[in-house]
Amino acid sequence: MADLKNLMVYQRAKVVCAAAYRFAQKVPDAELRDQMKRAATSAVLNIAEGRGRESDADFARFLVIARGSTTELIAQIDLASTFGMIADEGADAVIAELGELTGMLSALIARLRLTARGGGSRPK
């Protein structure tokens, strides 16, 4: 577990998940709010599950799923904003955080795929 807690992308995902939860509380539509929380949680949990796998290729696959969850959450926040459920400036801040996390995930996926082909060491 200490290995997971030291993983920068996991730490960042937890921070973004907490921000997304706080943001979701402002969304009046219960179904959309719950879906937003599931997507935020899914990103964190897929990073954790992937880290527990035995190969870099497996880890990368779970990171792709986590990245998909962050992209889904961006779309959900955009919809909430489009429907006038929340203030745009609040949406922009969370979307920016999700964008940073998505970039971190993409970089780690690329690095793991390189490692899986024999081009480096597993991220710490």
Protein backbone atom coordinates (compact mmCIF):
# COMPACT_ATOMS: atom_id res chain seq x y z
CA MET A 1 0.00 0.00 0.00
CA ALA A 2 2.87 2.38 0.73
CA ASP A 3 3.96 1.97 -2.88
CA LEU A 4 0.53 3.12 -4.06
CA LYS A 5 0.39 6.08 -1.68
CA ASN A 6 3.76 7.27 -3.01
CA LEU A 7 2.58 7.20 -6.63
CA MET A 8 2.19 10.84 -7.72
CA VAL A 9 -0.67 10.17 -10.12
CA TYR A 10 -2.59 8.39 -7.34
CA GLN A 11 -2.04 11.30 -4.95
CA ARG A 12 -3.22 13.75 -7.60
CA ALA A 13 -6.25 11.59 -8.46
CA LYS A 14 -7.34 11.60 -4.80
CA VAL A 15 -7.12 15.41 -4.67
CA VAL A 16 -9.09 15.74 -7.90
CA CYS A 17 -11.64 13.18 -6.69
CA ALA A 18 -12.23 15.22 -3.54
CA ALA A 19 -12.65 18.39 -5.62
CA ALA A 20 -15.08 16.60 -7.93
CA TYR A 21 -17.10 15.36 -4.95
CA ARG A 22 -17.35 18.89 -3.55
CA PHE A 23 -18.34 20.18 -6.97
CA ALA A 24 -20.90 17.40 -7.50
CA GLN A 25 -22.66 18.35 -4.26
CA LYS A 26 -23.72 21.58 -6.01
CA VAL A 27 -25.41 19.71 -8.88
CA PRO A 28 -29.16 19.56 -8.18
CA ASP A 29 -29.83 16.53 -10.41
CA ALA A 30 -29.31 13.44 -8.22
CA GLU A 31 -28.59 11.07 -11.11
CA LEU A 32 -25.94 13.29 -12.66
CA ARG A 33 -24.45 14.04 -9.24
CA ASP A 34 -24.15 10.31 -8.45
CA GLN A 35 -22.67 9.55 -11.86
CA MET A 36 -20.07 12.28 -11.35
CA LYS A 37 -19.07 10.78 -8.01
CA ARG A 38 -18.79 7.31 -9.56
CA ALA A 39 -16.57 8.59 -12.37
CA ALA A 40 -14.31 10.46 -9.93
CA THR A 41 -14.02 7.42 -7.68
CA SER A 42 -13.47 5.12 -10.66
CA ALA A 43 -10.38 7.04 -11.69
CA VAL A 44 -8.77 6.62 -8.27
CA LEU A 45 -9.76 2.97 -7.90
CA ASN A 46 -8.53 1.98 -11.36
CA ILE A 47 -5.15 3.52 -10.64
CA ALA A 48 -5.02 1.51 -7.43
CA GLU A 49 -6.14 -1.72 -9.04
CA GLY A 50 -3.73 -1.33 -11.92
CA ARG A 51 -0.83 -0.67 -9.59
CA GLY A 52 -1.61 -3.96 -7.89
CA ARG A 53 -1.31 -5.91 -11.13
CA GLU A 54 1.78 -7.87 -11.98
CA SER A 55 2.80 -6.30 -15.27
CA ASP A 56 3.32 -2.84 -16.69
CA ALA A 57 0.97 -3.72 -19.54
CA ASP A 58 -1.81 -4.51 -17.05
CA PHE A 59 -1.12 -1.33 -15.11
CA ALA A 60 -1.26 0.70 -18.34
CA ARG A 61 -4.65 -0.85 -19.24
CA PHE A 62 -6.12 0.22 -15.91
CA LEU A 63 -4.67 3.69 -16.33
CA VAL A 64 -6.43 3.93 -19.69
CA ILE A 65 -9.69 3.12 -17.90
CA ALA A 66 -8.90 5.75 -15.25
CA ARG A 67 -8.22 8.28 -18.01
CA GLY A 68 -11.57 7.40 -19.56
CA SER A 69 -13.25 8.10 -16.23
CA THR A 70 -11.62 11.52 -16.01
CA THR A 71 -12.77 12.32 -19.54
CA GLU A 72 -16.28 11.14 -18.66
CA LEU A 73 -16.26 13.43 -15.62
CA ILE A 74 -15.18 16.38 -17.77
CA ALA A 75 -18.18 15.73 -20.03
CA GLN A 76 -20.53 15.44 -17.05
CA ILE A 77 -19.31 18.75 -15.63
CA ASP A 78 -19.65 20.34 -19.05
CA LEU A 79 -23.24 19.07 -19.26
CA ALA A 80 -24.07 20.40 -15.80
CA SER A 81 -22.70 23.77 -16.90
CA THR A 82 -24.52 23.66 -20.25
CA PHE A 83 -27.80 22.89 -18.48
CA GLY A 84 -27.25 25.82 -16.13
CA MET A 85 -27.06 23.59 -13.05
CA ILE A 86 -23.79 25.08 -11.82
CA ALA A 87 -21.62 28.18 -12.23
CA ASP A 88 -19.20 28.10 -15.14
CA GLU A 89 -16.24 29.34 -13.10
CA GLY A 90 -16.57 26.42 -10.69
CA ALA A 91 -16.78 24.04 -13.61
CA ASP A 92 -13.71 25.52 -15.25
CA ALA A 93 -11.59 25.01 -12.13
CA VAL A 94 -12.48 21.34 -11.77
CA ILE A 95 -12.10 20.73 -15.50
CA ALA A 96 -8.62 22.28 -15.35
CA GLU A 97 -7.67 19.91 -12.51
CA LEU A 98 -9.05 16.96 -14.46
CA GLY A 99 -7.05 18.07 -17.49
CA GLU A 100 -3.86 18.00 -15.43
CA LEU A 101 -4.69 14.53 -14.13
CA THR A 102 -5.49 13.31 -17.64
CA GLY A 103 -2.08 14.56 -18.79
CA MET A 104 -0.35 12.76 -15.93
CA LEU A 105 -2.21 9.56 -16.76
CA SER A 106 -1.31 9.83 -20.44
CA ALA A 107 2.37 10.36 -19.64
CA LEU A 108 2.45 7.39 -17.28
CA ILE A 109 0.64 5.19 -19.80
CA ALA A 110 3.23 6.07 -22.44
CA ARG A 111 6.07 5.37 -20.01
CA LEU A 112 4.60 2.01 -18.97
CA ARG A 113 4.09 0.97 -22.57
CA LEU A 114 7.71 1.81 -23.27
CA THR A 115 8.78 -0.18 -20.21
CA ALA A 116 6.60 -3.11 -21.25
CA ARG A 117 8.53 -3.18 -24.55
CA GLY A 118 11.80 -3.29 -22.63
CA GLY A 119 12.69 0.38 -22.75
CA GLY A 120 12.87 1.40 -19.11
CA SER A 121 12.10 0.70 -15.48
CA ARG A 122 8.72 0.60 -13.73
CA PRO A 123 7.61 3.98 -12.33
CA LYS A 124 7.97 4.54 -8.61
